[in-house]
Amino acid sequence: MNALIYTNEYPPCNYGGAGVHVEYLTRELSKLSDVDVDVRAFGDQKTESNYPLKVKGYPIDTASFDAPQHLHAIFGSSQRAISYNTDGNEADVVHCQTCLLYTSDAADTRTSEDLGGRRIIKK
C-alpha cells in the first residue's frame, strides 16, 4: 500500500503539535512491511532513500511574484499545493495534515480581518 501524506510541518521544520503528529504517524506507518510512505512538506526536506519512508519538501521562491507582499504567502501555498499534486504519485491512501490553503498565516491584522480562525484580505 502506498500512503501519501501532505503536511506543512515535518522535521526538522516542526513548530507545533501537527508536525509531531505527522512525524510519529509516518514513522509508525513506515514500519509496516506492506506500506510505503511518501511525505510532501513545506520546506526543503529531502530524504536520500526512497522507501519505506520518502520525504520531500517544496520550498517557495517568491522573488518572481509581482503581487503585493501581503499576498505572497497565499500564492506560495497555492503553488505548493500544485507542486504536491503534479509531482506524480501512486497513492492508495492520502492523509492531509492541516489545510494547505489556510490563509491565517498569510495575513496579518493590518491587512486582514479575523473570522474565527480564518482571515480575509482587506482591500
PDB file of N, CA and C in Angstrom:
ATOM      1  N   MET A   1       0.849  -1.172   0.000  1.00  0.00           N
ATOM      2  CA  MET A   1       0.000   0.000   0.000  1.00  0.00           C
ATOM      3  C   MET A   1       0.896   1.235   0.000  1.00  0.00           C
ATOM      4  N   ASN A   2       0.487   2.232  -0.739  1.00  0.00           N
ATOM      5  CA  ASN A   2       1.209   3.499  -0.801  1.00  0.00           C
ATOM      6  C   ASN A   2       0.410   4.574  -0.074  1.00  0.00           C
ATOM      7  N   ALA A   3       1.028   5.165   0.942  1.00  0.00           N
ATOM      8  CA  ALA A   3       0.387   6.234   1.717  1.00  0.00           C
ATOM      9  C   ALA A   3       1.061   7.553   1.368  1.00  0.00           C
ATOM     10  N   LEU A   4       0.263   8.519   0.970  1.00  0.00           N
ATOM     11  CA  LEU A   4       0.760   9.856   0.642  1.00  0.00           C
ATOM     12  C   LEU A   4       0.308  10.813   1.730  1.00  0.00           C
ATOM     13  N   ILE A   5       1.271  11.527   2.329  1.00  0.00           N
ATOM     14  CA  ILE A   5       0.986  12.446   3.426  1.00  0.00           C
ATOM     15  C   ILE A   5       1.336  13.859   2.981  1.00  0.00           C
ATOM     16  N   TYR A   6       0.335  14.747   2.990  1.00  0.00           N
ATOM     17  CA  TYR A   6       0.556  16.172   2.731  1.00  0.00           C
ATOM     18  C   TYR A   6       0.603  16.883   4.081  1.00  0.00           C
ATOM     19  N   THR A   7       1.637  17.683   4.294  1.00  0.00           N
ATOM     20  CA  THR A   7       1.743  18.404   5.559  1.00  0.00           C
ATOM     21  C   THR A   7       2.556  19.676   5.379  1.00  0.00           C
ATOM     22  N   ASN A   8       2.258  20.688   6.163  1.00  0.00           N
ATOM     23  CA  ASN A   8       3.127  21.858   6.113  1.00  0.00           C
ATOM     24  C   ASN A   8       4.247  21.759   7.134  1.00  0.00           C
ATOM     25  N   GLU A   9       4.150  20.860   8.090  1.00  0.00           N
ATOM     26  CA  GLU A   9       5.212  20.662   9.085  1.00  0.00           C
ATOM     27  C   GLU A   9       5.775  19.252   8.985  1.00  0.00           C
ATOM     28  N   TYR A  10       7.086  19.163   8.928  1.00  0.00           N
ATOM     29  CA  TYR A  10       7.758  17.870   9.025  1.00  0.00           C
ATOM     30  C   TYR A  10       9.195  18.147   9.448  1.00  0.00           C
ATOM     31  N   PRO A  11       9.773  17.297  10.288  1.00  0.00           N
ATOM     32  CA  PRO A  11      11.132  17.544  10.784  1.00  0.00           C
ATOM     33  C   PRO A  11      12.116  17.796   9.645  1.00  0.00           C
ATOM     34  N   PRO A  12      13.009  18.705   9.833  1.00  0.00           N
ATOM     35  CA  PRO A  12      13.269  19.457  11.066  1.00  0.00           C
ATOM     36  C   PRO A  12      12.469  20.759  11.161  1.00  0.00           C
ATOM     37  N   CYS A  13      11.458  20.931  10.341  1.00  0.00           N
ATOM     38  CA  CYS A  13      10.677  22.168  10.306  1.00  0.00           C
ATOM     39  C   CYS A  13       9.390  22.059  11.118  1.00  0.00           C
ATOM     40  N   ASN A  14       9.477  21.529  12.327  1.00  0.00           N
ATOM     41  CA  ASN A  14       8.303  21.444  13.205  1.00  0.00           C
ATOM     42  C   ASN A  14       8.190  22.722  14.017  1.00  0.00           C
ATOM     43  N   TYR A  15       6.972  23.190  14.198  1.00  0.00           N
ATOM     44  CA  TYR A  15       6.747  24.332  15.089  1.00  0.00           C
ATOM     45  C   TYR A  15       5.535  24.117  15.974  1.00  0.00           C
ATOM     46  N   GLY A  16       4.974  22.910  15.957  1.00  0.00           N
ATOM     47  CA  GLY A  16       3.812  22.653  16.800  1.00  0.00           C
ATOM     48  C   GLY A  16       3.409  21.197  16.789  1.00  0.00           C
ATOM     49  N   GLY A  17       2.236  20.941  17.332  1.00  0.00           N
ATOM     50  CA  GLY A  17       1.747  19.585  17.501  1.00  0.00           C
ATOM     51  C   GLY A  17       1.474  18.846  16.203  1.00  0.00           C
ATOM     52  N   ALA A  18       1.058  19.560  15.161  1.00  0.00           N
ATOM     53  CA  ALA A  18       0.765  18.898  13.891  1.00  0.00           C
ATOM     54  C   ALA A  18       2.008  18.225  13.322  1.00  0.00           C
ATOM     55  N   GLY A  19       3.137  18.893  13.429  1.00  0.00           N
ATOM     56  CA  GLY A  19       4.388  18.323  12.937  1.00  0.00           C
ATOM     57  C   GLY A  19       4.809  17.100  13.726  1.00  0.00           C
ATOM     58  N   VAL A  20       4.632  17.148  15.020  1.00  0.00           N
ATOM     59  CA  VAL A  20       4.957  15.996  15.868  1.00  0.00           C
ATOM     60  C   VAL A  20       4.030  14.833  15.516  1.00  0.00           C
ATOM     61  N   HIS A  21       2.743  15.132  15.355  1.00  0.00           N
ATOM     62  CA  HIS A  21       1.772  14.096  14.994  1.00  0.00           C
ATOM     63  C   HIS A  21       2.158  13.400  13.697  1.00  0.00           C
ATOM     64  N   VAL A  22       2.430  14.175  12.642  1.00  0.00           N
ATOM     65  CA  VAL A  22       2.733  13.571  11.352  1.00  0.00           C
ATOM     66  C   VAL A  22       4.083  12.855  11.377  1.00  0.00           C
ATOM     67  N   GLU A  23       5.029  13.333  12.182  1.00  0.00           N
ATOM     68  CA  GLU A  23       6.308  12.625  12.318  1.00  0.00           C
ATOM     69  C   GLU A  23       6.083  11.231  12.904  1.00  0.00           C
ATOM     70  N   TYR A  24       5.325  11.146  13.985  1.00  0.00           N
ATOM     71  CA  TYR A  24       5.045   9.852  14.615  1.00  0.00           C
ATOM     72  C   TYR A  24       4.210   8.961  13.704  1.00  0.00           C
ATOM     73  N   LEU A  25       3.193   9.536  13.054  1.00  0.00           N
ATOM     74  CA  LEU A  25       2.332   8.770  12.161  1.00  0.00           C
ATOM     75  C   LEU A  25       3.142   8.134  11.037  1.00  0.00           C
ATOM     76  N   THR A  26       3.979   8.920  10.377  1.00  0.00           N
ATOM     77  CA  THR A  26       4.749   8.401   9.249  1.00  0.00           C
ATOM     78  C   THR A  26       5.808   7.397   9.701  1.00  0.00           C
ATOM     79  N   ARG A  27       6.411   7.646  10.840  1.00  0.00           N
ATOM     80  CA  ARG A  27       7.416   6.708  11.358  1.00  0.00           C
ATOM     81  C   ARG A  27       6.788   5.342  11.610  1.00  0.00           C
ATOM     82  N   GLU A  28       5.618   5.329  12.248  1.00  0.00           N
ATOM     83  CA  GLU A  28       4.960   4.055  12.558  1.00  0.00           C
ATOM     84  C   GLU A  28       4.416   3.384  11.297  1.00  0.00           C
ATOM     85  N   LEU A  29       3.842   4.154  10.382  1.00  0.00           N
ATOM     86  CA  LEU A  29       3.366   3.560   9.128  1.00  0.00           C
ATOM     87  C   LEU A  29       4.498   2.914   8.344  1.00  0.00           C
ATOM     88  N   SER A  30       5.660   3.571   8.324  1.00  0.00           N
ATOM     89  CA  SER A  30       6.783   3.048   7.544  1.00  0.00           C
ATOM     90  C   SER A  30       7.364   1.763   8.139  1.00  0.00           C
ATOM     91  N   LYS A  31       7.029   1.449   9.382  1.00  0.00           N
ATOM     92  CA  LYS A  31       7.478   0.190  10.000  1.00  0.00           C
ATOM     93  C   LYS A  31       6.668  -1.006   9.513  1.00  0.00           C
ATOM     94  N   LEU A  32       5.504  -0.749   8.939  1.00  0.00           N
ATOM     95  CA  LEU A  32       4.675  -1.832   8.422  1.00  0.00           C
ATOM     96  C   LEU A  32       5.287  -2.351   7.124  1.00  0.00           C
ATOM     97  N   SER A  33       5.407  -3.639   7.012  1.00  0.00           N
ATOM     98  CA  SER A  33       6.128  -4.230   5.879  1.00  0.00           C
ATOM     99  C   SER A  33       5.458  -3.989   4.530  1.00  0.00           C
ATOM    100  N   ASP A  34       4.170  -3.744   4.522  1.00  0.00           N
ATOM    101  CA  ASP A  34       3.471  -3.578   3.247  1.00  0.00           C
ATOM    102  C   ASP A  34       3.048  -2.134   2.974  1.00  0.00           C
ATOM    103  N   VAL A  35       3.675  -1.169   3.648  1.00  0.00           N
ATOM    104  CA  VAL A  35       3.305   0.242   3.468  1.00  0.00           C
ATOM    105  C   VAL A  35       4.534   1.070   3.097  1.00  0.00           C
ATOM    106  N   ASP A  36       4.449   1.778   1.977  1.00  0.00           N
ATOM    107  CA  ASP A  36       5.433   2.782   1.596  1.00  0.00           C
ATOM    108  C   ASP A  36       4.817   4.142   1.863  1.00  0.00           C
ATOM    109  N   VAL A  37       5.591   5.031   2.487  1.00  0.00           N
ATOM    110  CA  VAL A  37       5.078   6.337   2.894  1.00  0.00           C
ATOM    111  C   VAL A  37       5.806   7.433   2.121  1.00  0.00           C
ATOM    112  N   ASP A  38       5.030   8.292   1.497  1.00  0.00           N
ATOM    113  CA  ASP A  38       5.544   9.428   0.736  1.00  0.00           C
ATOM    114  C   ASP A  38       5.045  10.696   1.431  1.00  0.00           C
ATOM    115  N   VAL A  39       5.975  11.474   2.009  1.00  0.00           N
ATOM    116  CA  VAL A  39       5.623  12.702   2.717  1.00  0.00           C
ATOM    117  C   VAL A  39       5.997  13.892   1.849  1.00  0.00           C
ATOM    118  N   ARG A  40       5.060  14.823   1.702  1.00  0.00           N
ATOM    119  CA  ARG A  40       5.303  16.067   0.966  1.00  0.00           C
ATOM    120  C   ARG A  40       5.034  17.217   1.923  1.00  0.00           C
ATOM    121  N   ALA A  41       6.071  18.037   2.132  1.00  0.00           N
ATOM    122  CA  ALA A  41       6.017  19.047   3.188  1.00  0.00           C
ATOM    123  C   ALA A  41       6.438  20.415   2.684  1.00  0.00           C
ATOM    124  N   PHE A  42       6.022  21.455   3.422  1.00  0.00           N
ATOM    125  CA  PHE A  42       6.534  22.797   3.200  1.00  0.00           C
ATOM    126  C   PHE A  42       7.967  22.786   3.730  1.00  0.00           C
ATOM    127  N   GLY A  43       8.902  23.282   2.987  1.00  0.00           N
ATOM    128  CA  GLY A  43      10.278  23.335   3.464  1.00  0.00           C
ATOM    129  C   GLY A  43      11.236  22.778   2.436  1.00  0.00           C
ATOM    130  N   ASP A  44      12.447  22.465   2.889  1.00  0.00           N
ATOM    131  CA  ASP A  44      13.469  21.969   1.968  1.00  0.00           C
ATOM    132  C   ASP A  44      13.952  20.572   2.352  1.00  0.00           C
ATOM    133  N   GLN A  45      13.129  19.802   3.055  1.00  0.00           N
ATOM    134  CA  GLN A  45      13.495  18.461   3.450  1.00  0.00           C
ATOM    135  C   GLN A  45      13.639  17.560   2.229  1.00  0.00           C
ATOM    136  N   LYS A  46      14.531  16.588   2.348  1.00  0.00           N
ATOM    137  CA  LYS A  46      14.668  15.584   1.294  1.00  0.00           C
ATOM    138  C   LYS A  46      15.421  14.393   1.871  1.00  0.00           C
ATOM    139  N   THR A  47      14.819  13.225   1.756  1.00  0.00           N
ATOM    140  CA  THR A  47      15.497  12.015   2.198  1.00  0.00           C
ATOM    141  C   THR A  47      16.356  11.493   1.059  1.00  0.00           C
ATOM    142  N   GLU A  48      17.427  10.842   1.424  1.00  0.00           N
ATOM    143  CA  GLU A  48      18.323  10.260   0.425  1.00  0.00           C
ATOM    144  C   GLU A  48      17.768   8.946  -0.116  1.00  0.00           C
ATOM    145  N   SER A  49      17.019   8.243   0.700  1.00  0.00           N
ATOM    146  CA  SER A  49      16.460   6.963   0.255  1.00  0.00           C
ATOM    147  C   SER A  49      15.031   7.163  -0.213  1.00  0.00           C
ATOM    148  N   ASN A  50      14.527   6.182  -0.913  1.00  0.00           N
ATOM    149  CA  ASN A  50      13.147   6.265  -1.364  1.00  0.00           C
ATOM    150  C   ASN A  50      12.194   5.718  -0.319  1.00  0.00           C
ATOM    151  N   TYR A  51      12.062   4.417  -0.207  1.00  0.00           N
ATOM    152  CA  TYR A  51      11.051   3.854   0.674  1.00  0.00           C
ATOM    153  C   TYR A  51      11.693   2.912   1.664  1.00  0.00           C
ATOM    154  N   PRO A  52      11.059   2.639   2.802  1.00  0.00           N
ATOM    155  CA  PRO A  52       9.645   2.782   3.095  1.00  0.00           C
ATOM    156  C   PRO A  52       9.210   4.193   3.483  1.00  0.00           C
ATOM    157  N   LEU A  53      10.141   5.121   3.764  1.00  0.00           N
ATOM    158  CA  LEU A  53       9.750   6.486   4.131  1.00  0.00           C
ATOM    159  C   LEU A  53      10.511   7.471   3.249  1.00  0.00           C
ATOM    160  N   LYS A  54       9.768   8.143   2.382  1.00  0.00           N
ATOM    161  CA  LYS A  54      10.347   9.125   1.467  1.00  0.00           C
ATOM    162  C   LYS A  54       9.790  10.490   1.847  1.00  0.00           C
ATOM    163  N   VAL A  55      10.669  11.480   2.003  1.00  0.00           N
ATOM    164  CA  VAL A  55      10.244  12.824   2.398  1.00  0.00           C
ATOM    165  C   VAL A  55      10.783  13.824   1.382  1.00  0.00           C
ATOM    166  N   LYS A  56       9.905  14.707   0.921  1.00  0.00           N
ATOM    167  CA  LYS A  56      10.338  15.763   0.007  1.00  0.00           C
ATOM    168  C   LYS A  56       9.666  17.069   0.407  1.00  0.00           C
ATOM    169  N   GLY A  57      10.482  18.097   0.587  1.00  0.00           N
ATOM    170  CA  GLY A  57       9.973  19.429   0.875  1.00  0.00           C
ATOM    171  C   GLY A  57       9.810  20.231  -0.399  1.00  0.00           C
ATOM    172  N   TYR A  58       8.913  21.188  -0.350  1.00  0.00           N
ATOM    173  CA  TYR A  58       8.627  22.039  -1.502  1.00  0.00           C
ATOM    174  C   TYR A  58       8.780  23.501  -1.085  1.00  0.00           C
ATOM    175  N   PRO A  59      10.012  24.023  -1.124  1.00  0.00           N
ATOM    176  CA  PRO A  59      10.196  25.430  -0.781  1.00  0.00           C
ATOM    177  C   PRO A  59       9.637  26.324  -1.886  1.00  0.00           C
ATOM    178  N   ILE A  60       9.340  27.540  -1.534  1.00  0.00           N
ATOM    179  CA  ILE A  60       8.801  28.501  -2.497  1.00  0.00           C
ATOM    180  C   ILE A  60       9.738  29.699  -2.591  1.00  0.00           C
ATOM    181  N   ASP A  61      10.025  30.101  -3.812  1.00  0.00           N
ATOM    182  CA  ASP A  61      10.807  31.302  -4.062  1.00  0.00           C
ATOM    183  C   ASP A  61       9.837  32.377  -4.545  1.00  0.00           C
ATOM    184  N   THR A  62       9.587  33.354  -3.699  1.00  0.00           N
ATOM    185  CA  THR A  62       8.618  34.402  -4.042  1.00  0.00           C
ATOM    186  C   THR A  62       9.257  35.571  -4.800  1.00  0.00           C
ATOM    187  N   ALA A  63      10.526  35.455  -5.150  1.00  0.00           N
ATOM    188  CA  ALA A  63      11.222  36.552  -5.818  1.00  0.00           C
ATOM    189  C   ALA A  63      10.558  36.955  -7.136  1.00  0.00           C
ATOM    190  N   SER A  64       9.924  36.016  -7.817  1.00  0.00           N
ATOM    191  CA  SER A  64       9.304  36.332  -9.101  1.00  0.00           C
ATOM    192  C   SER A  64       7.849  36.767  -8.973  1.00  0.00           C
ATOM    193  N   PHE A  65       7.316  36.817  -7.755  1.00  0.00           N
ATOM    194  CA  PHE A  65       5.923  37.237  -7.555  1.00  0.00           C
ATOM    195  C   PHE A  65       5.817  38.756  -7.711  1.00  0.00           C
ATOM    196  N   ASP A  66       4.904  39.206  -8.567  1.00  0.00           N
ATOM    197  CA  ASP A  66       4.654  40.636  -8.737  1.00  0.00           C
ATOM    198  C   ASP A  66       3.479  41.121  -7.892  1.00  0.00           C
ATOM    199  N   ALA A  67       2.795  40.205  -7.233  1.00  0.00           N
ATOM    200  CA  ALA A  67       1.635  40.549  -6.406  1.00  0.00           C
ATOM    201  C   ALA A  67       2.087  41.330  -5.174  1.00  0.00           C
ATOM    202  N   PRO A  68       1.180  42.060  -4.536  1.00  0.00           N
ATOM    203  CA  PRO A  68       1.522  42.753  -3.287  1.00  0.00           C
ATOM    204  C   PRO A  68       2.075  41.769  -2.249  1.00  0.00           C
ATOM    205  N   GLN A  69       2.986  42.234  -1.443  1.00  0.00           N
ATOM    206  CA  GLN A  69       3.685  41.397  -0.473  1.00  0.00           C
ATOM    207  C   GLN A  69       2.732  40.595   0.428  1.00  0.00           C
ATOM    208  N   HIS A  70       1.629  41.205   0.864  1.00  0.00           N
ATOM    209  CA  HIS A  70       0.732  40.513   1.790  1.00  0.00           C
ATOM    210  C   HIS A  70       0.023  39.327   1.135  1.00  0.00           C
ATOM    211  N   LEU A  71       0.116  39.168  -0.185  1.00  0.00           N
ATOM    212  CA  LEU A  71      -0.487  38.033  -0.874  1.00  0.00           C
ATOM    213  C   LEU A  71       0.503  36.913  -1.195  1.00  0.00           C
ATOM    214  N   HIS A  72       1.783  37.140  -0.972  1.00  0.00           N
ATOM    215  CA  HIS A  72       2.798  36.151  -1.328  1.00  0.00           C
ATOM    216  C   HIS A  72       2.591  34.809  -0.633  1.00  0.00           C
ATOM    217  N   ALA A  73       2.235  34.813   0.632  1.00  0.00           N
ATOM    218  CA  ALA A  73       2.041  33.547   1.348  1.00  0.00           C
ATOM    219  C   ALA A  73       0.866  32.760   0.778  1.00  0.00           C
ATOM    220  N   ILE A  74      -0.174  33.452   0.380  1.00  0.00           N
ATOM    221  CA  ILE A  74      -1.332  32.771  -0.208  1.00  0.00           C
ATOM    222  C   ILE A  74      -0.941  32.117  -1.528  1.00  0.00           C
ATOM    223  N   PHE A  75      -0.262  32.860  -2.386  1.00  0.00           N
ATOM    224  CA  PHE A  75       0.153  32.292  -3.666  1.00  0.00           C
ATOM    225  C   PHE A  75       1.213  31.212  -3.477  1.00  0.00           C
ATOM    226  N   GLY A  76       2.048  31.372  -2.462  1.00  0.00           N
ATOM    227  CA  GLY A  76       3.029  30.328  -2.144  1.00  0.00           C
ATOM    228  C   GLY A  76       2.355  29.024  -1.752  1.00  0.00           C
ATOM    229  N   SER A  77       1.321  29.112  -0.931  1.00  0.00           N
ATOM    230  CA  SER A  77       0.566  27.910  -0.544  1.00  0.00           C
ATOM    231  C   SER A  77      -0.087  27.265  -1.758  1.00  0.00           C
ATOM    232  N   SER A  78      -0.647  28.082  -2.613  1.00  0.00           N
ATOM    233  CA  SER A  78      -1.275  27.550  -3.824  1.00  0.00           C
ATOM    234  C   SER A  78      -0.237  26.871  -4.721  1.00  0.00           C
ATOM    235  N   GLN A  79       0.915  27.511  -4.848  1.00  0.00           N
ATOM    236  CA  GLN A  79       1.979  26.944  -5.674  1.00  0.00           C
ATOM    237  C   GLN A  79       2.453  25.607  -5.109  1.00  0.00           C
ATOM    238  N   ARG A  80       2.576  25.524  -3.786  1.00  0.00           N
ATOM    239  CA  ARG A  80       2.969  24.251  -3.166  1.00  0.00           C
ATOM    240  C   ARG A  80       1.924  23.178  -3.421  1.00  0.00           C
ATOM    241  N   ALA A  81       0.654  23.523  -3.268  1.00  0.00           N
ATOM    242  CA  ALA A  81      -0.410  22.548  -3.487  1.00  0.00           C
ATOM    243  C   ALA A  81      -0.363  22.015  -4.917  1.00  0.00           C
ATOM    244  N   ILE A  82      -0.110  22.885  -5.872  1.00  0.00           N
ATOM    245  CA  ILE A  82       0.009  22.450  -7.270  1.00  0.00           C
ATOM    246  C   ILE A  82       1.236  21.550  -7.422  1.00  0.00           C
ATOM    247  N   SER A  83       2.356  21.946  -6.839  1.00  0.00           N
ATOM    248  CA  SER A  83       3.577  21.136  -6.923  1.00  0.00           C
ATOM    249  C   SER A  83       3.383  19.770  -6.276  1.00  0.00           C
ATOM    250  N   TYR A  84       2.753  19.745  -5.114  1.00  0.00           N
ATOM    251  CA  TYR A  84       2.462  18.472  -4.439  1.00  0.00           C
ATOM    252  C   TYR A  84       1.756  17.504  -5.386  1.00  0.00           C
ATOM    253  N   ASN A  85       0.763  18.023  -6.077  1.00  0.00           N
ATOM    254  CA  ASN A  85      -0.119  17.162  -6.861  1.00  0.00           C
ATOM    255  C   ASN A  85       0.373  16.867  -8.266  1.00  0.00           C
ATOM    256  N   THR A  86       1.281  17.661  -8.778  1.00  0.00           N
ATOM    257  CA  THR A  86       1.794  17.416 -10.131  1.00  0.00           C
ATOM    258  C   THR A  86       3.108  16.663 -10.116  1.00  0.00           C
ATOM    259  N   ASP A  87       3.582  16.300  -8.939  1.00  0.00           N
ATOM    260  CA  ASP A  87       4.855  15.587  -8.801  1.00  0.00           C
ATOM    261  C   ASP A  87       4.664  14.074  -8.935  1.00  0.00           C
ATOM    262  N   GLY A  88       3.496  13.654  -9.324  1.00  0.00           N
ATOM    263  CA  GLY A  88       3.232  12.231  -9.524  1.00  0.00           C
ATOM    264  C   GLY A  88       3.092  11.487  -8.211  1.00  0.00           C
ATOM    265  N   ASN A  89       2.256  10.485  -8.208  1.00  0.00           N
ATOM    266  CA  ASN A  89       2.113   9.624  -7.042  1.00  0.00           C
ATOM    267  C   ASN A  89       1.351   8.375  -7.429  1.00  0.00           C
ATOM    268  N   GLU A  90       1.503   7.367  -6.615  1.00  0.00           N
ATOM    269  CA  GLU A  90       0.779   6.114  -6.786  1.00  0.00           C
ATOM    270  C   GLU A  90       0.058   5.799  -5.489  1.00  0.00           C
ATOM    271  N   ALA A  91      -0.568   6.802  -4.907  1.00  0.00           N
ATOM    272  CA  ALA A  91      -1.169   6.669  -3.581  1.00  0.00           C
ATOM    273  C   ALA A  91      -2.432   5.818  -3.591  1.00  0.00           C
ATOM    274  N   ASP A  92      -2.514   4.967  -2.571  1.00  0.00           N
ATOM    275  CA  ASP A  92      -3.747   4.241  -2.287  1.00  0.00           C
ATOM    276  C   ASP A  92      -4.546   4.980  -1.224  1.00  0.00           C
ATOM    277  N   VAL A  93      -3.817   5.672  -0.344  1.00  0.00           N
ATOM    278  CA  VAL A  93      -4.415   6.422   0.763  1.00  0.00           C
ATOM    279  C   VAL A  93      -3.721   7.774   0.833  1.00  0.00           C
ATOM    280  N   VAL A  94      -4.497   8.847   1.012  1.00  0.00           N
ATOM    281  CA  VAL A  94      -3.933  10.187   1.151  1.00  0.00           C
ATOM    282  C   VAL A  94      -4.377  10.762   2.487  1.00  0.00           C
ATOM    283  N   HIS A  95      -3.419  11.322   3.240  1.00  0.00           N
ATOM    284  CA  HIS A  95      -3.721  11.991   4.510  1.00  0.00           C
ATOM    285  C   HIS A  95      -3.233  13.426   4.378  1.00  0.00           C
ATOM    286  N   CYS A  96      -4.108  14.381   4.605  1.00  0.00           N
ATOM    287  CA  CYS A  96      -3.752  15.792   4.544  1.00  0.00           C
ATOM    288  C   CYS A  96      -3.731  16.329   5.968  1.00  0.00           C
ATOM    289  N   GLN A  97      -2.549  16.649   6.457  1.00  0.00           N
ATOM    290  CA  GLN A  97      -2.388  17.170   7.812  1.00  0.00           C
ATOM    291  C   GLN A  97      -2.373  18.680   7.743  1.00  0.00           C
ATOM    292  N   THR A  98      -3.385  19.324   8.240  1.00  0.00           N
ATOM    293  CA  THR A  98      -3.634  20.764   8.199  1.00  0.00           C
ATOM    294  C   THR A  98      -3.962  21.206   6.782  1.00  0.00           C
ATOM    295  N   CYS A  99      -4.692  22.263   6.673  1.00  0.00           N
ATOM    296  CA  CYS A  99      -5.169  22.750   5.382  1.00  0.00           C
ATOM    297  C   CYS A  99      -4.039  23.442   4.637  1.00  0.00           C
ATOM    298  N   LEU A 100      -3.831  23.064   3.413  1.00  0.00           N
ATOM    299  CA  LEU A 100      -2.735  23.623   2.624  1.00  0.00           C
ATOM    300  C   LEU A 100      -2.978  25.063   2.196  1.00  0.00           C
ATOM    301  N   LEU A 101      -4.226  25.445   2.094  1.00  0.00           N
ATOM    302  CA  LEU A 101      -4.528  26.791   1.637  1.00  0.00           C
ATOM    303  C   LEU A 101      -5.080  27.659   2.763  1.00  0.00           C
ATOM    304  N   TYR A 102      -4.740  27.336   3.969  1.00  0.00           N
ATOM    305  CA  TYR A 102      -5.197  28.092   5.131  1.00  0.00           C
ATOM    306  C   TYR A 102      -4.590  29.486   5.090  1.00  0.00           C
ATOM    307  N   THR A 103      -5.404  30.508   5.200  1.00  0.00           N
ATOM    308  CA  THR A 103      -4.905  31.864   4.975  1.00  0.00           C
ATOM    309  C   THR A 103      -4.550  32.627   6.237  1.00  0.00           C
ATOM    310  N   SER A 104      -4.768  32.075   7.418  1.00  0.00           N
ATOM    311  CA  SER A 104      -4.439  32.802   8.636  1.00  0.00           C
ATOM    312  C   SER A 104      -2.969  33.196   8.677  1.00  0.00           C
ATOM    313  N   ASP A 105      -2.099  32.276   8.265  1.00  0.00           N
ATOM    314  CA  ASP A 105      -0.671  32.568   8.291  1.00  0.00           C
ATOM    315  C   ASP A 105      -0.279  33.539   7.188  1.00  0.00           C
ATOM    316  N   ALA A 106      -1.146  33.700   6.219  1.00  0.00           N
ATOM    317  CA  ALA A 106      -0.806  34.514   5.065  1.00  0.00           C
ATOM    318  C   ALA A 106      -1.112  35.987   5.260  1.00  0.00           C
ATOM    319  N   ALA A 107      -1.791  36.324   6.328  1.00  0.00           N
ATOM    320  CA  ALA A 107      -2.211  37.709   6.500  1.00  0.00           C
ATOM    321  C   ALA A 107      -2.021  38.151   7.945  1.00  0.00           C
ATOM    322  N   ASP A 108      -1.800  39.415   8.128  1.00  0.00           N
ATOM    323  CA  ASP A 108      -1.714  39.931   9.492  1.00  0.00           C
ATOM    324  C   ASP A 108      -2.896  40.870   9.736  1.00  0.00           C
ATOM    325  N   THR A 109      -3.010  41.362  10.957  1.00  0.00           N
ATOM    326  CA  THR A 109      -4.187  42.142  11.329  1.00  0.00           C
ATOM    327  C   THR A 109      -4.272  43.497  10.618  1.00  0.00           C
ATOM    328  N   ARG A 110      -3.173  43.976  10.056  1.00  0.00           N
ATOM    329  CA  ARG A 110      -3.232  45.250   9.341  1.00  0.00           C
ATOM    330  C   ARG A 110      -3.878  45.105   7.976  1.00  0.00           C
ATOM    331  N   THR A 111      -3.794  43.911   7.393  1.00  0.00           N
ATOM    332  CA  THR A 111      -4.289  43.725   6.029  1.00  0.00           C
ATOM    333  C   THR A 111      -5.433  42.729   5.941  1.00  0.00           C
ATOM    334  N   SER A 112      -5.904  42.246   7.093  1.00  0.00           N
ATOM    335  CA  SER A 112      -6.934  41.216   7.029  1.00  0.00           C
ATOM    336  C   SER A 112      -7.884  41.309   8.213  1.00  0.00           C
ATOM    337  N   GLU A 113      -8.945  40.559   8.117  1.00  0.00           N
ATOM    338  CA  GLU A 113      -9.980  40.509   9.153  1.00  0.00           C
ATOM    339  C   GLU A 113     -10.063  39.075   9.667  1.00  0.00           C
ATOM    340  N   ASP A 114      -9.997  38.885  10.992  1.00  0.00           N
ATOM    341  CA  ASP A 114     -10.082  37.557  11.588  1.00  0.00           C
ATOM    342  C   ASP A 114     -11.541  37.109  11.634  1.00  0.00           C
ATOM    343  N   LEU A 115     -11.804  35.938  11.103  1.00  0.00           N
ATOM    344  CA  LEU A 115     -13.156  35.377  11.093  1.00  0.00           C
ATOM    345  C   LEU A 115     -13.170  34.062  11.873  1.00  0.00           C
ATOM    346  N   GLY A 116     -12.741  34.098  13.115  1.00  0.00           N
ATOM    347  CA  GLY A 116     -12.747  32.899  13.933  1.00  0.00           C
ATOM    348  C   GLY A 116     -11.762  31.850  13.464  1.00  0.00           C
ATOM    349  N   GLY A 117     -10.522  32.225  13.254  1.00  0.00           N
ATOM    350  CA  GLY A 117      -9.511  31.288  12.822  1.00  0.00           C
ATOM    351  C   GLY A 117      -9.186  31.392  11.335  1.00  0.00           C
ATOM    352  N   ARG A 118     -10.046  32.006  10.565  1.00  0.00           N
ATOM    353  CA  ARG A 118      -9.791  32.249   9.154  1.00  0.00           C
ATOM    354  C   ARG A 118      -9.656  33.753   8.954  1.00  0.00           C
ATOM    355  N   ARG A 119      -8.929  34.141   7.949  1.00  0.00           N
ATOM    356  CA  ARG A 119      -8.784  35.563   7.687  1.00  0.00           C
ATOM    357  C   ARG A 119      -9.180  35.867   6.262  1.00  0.00           C
ATOM    358  N   ILE A 120      -9.733  37.044   6.068  1.00  0.00           N
ATOM    359  CA  ILE A 120      -9.986  37.522   4.719  1.00  0.00           C
ATOM    360  C   ILE A 120      -9.139  38.767   4.510  1.00  0.00           C
ATOM    361  N   ILE A 121      -8.707  38.963   3.291  1.00  0.00           N
ATOM    362  CA  ILE A 121      -7.857  40.102   2.960  1.00  0.00           C
ATOM    363  C   ILE A 121      -8.722  41.332   2.786  1.00  0.00           C
ATOM    364  N   LYS A 122      -8.296  42.432   3.441  1.00  0.00           N
ATOM    365  CA  LYS A 122      -8.986  43.713   3.286  1.00  0.00           C
ATOM    366  C   LYS A 122      -8.530  44.392   2.022  1.00  0.00           C
ATOM    367  N   LYS A 123      -9.385  45.187   1.427  1.00  0.00           N
ATOM    368  CA  LYS A 123      -8.978  45.983   0.256  1.00  0.00           C
ATOM    369  C   LYS A 123      -8.269  47.223   0.724  1.00  0.00           C
TER     370      LYS A 123
END
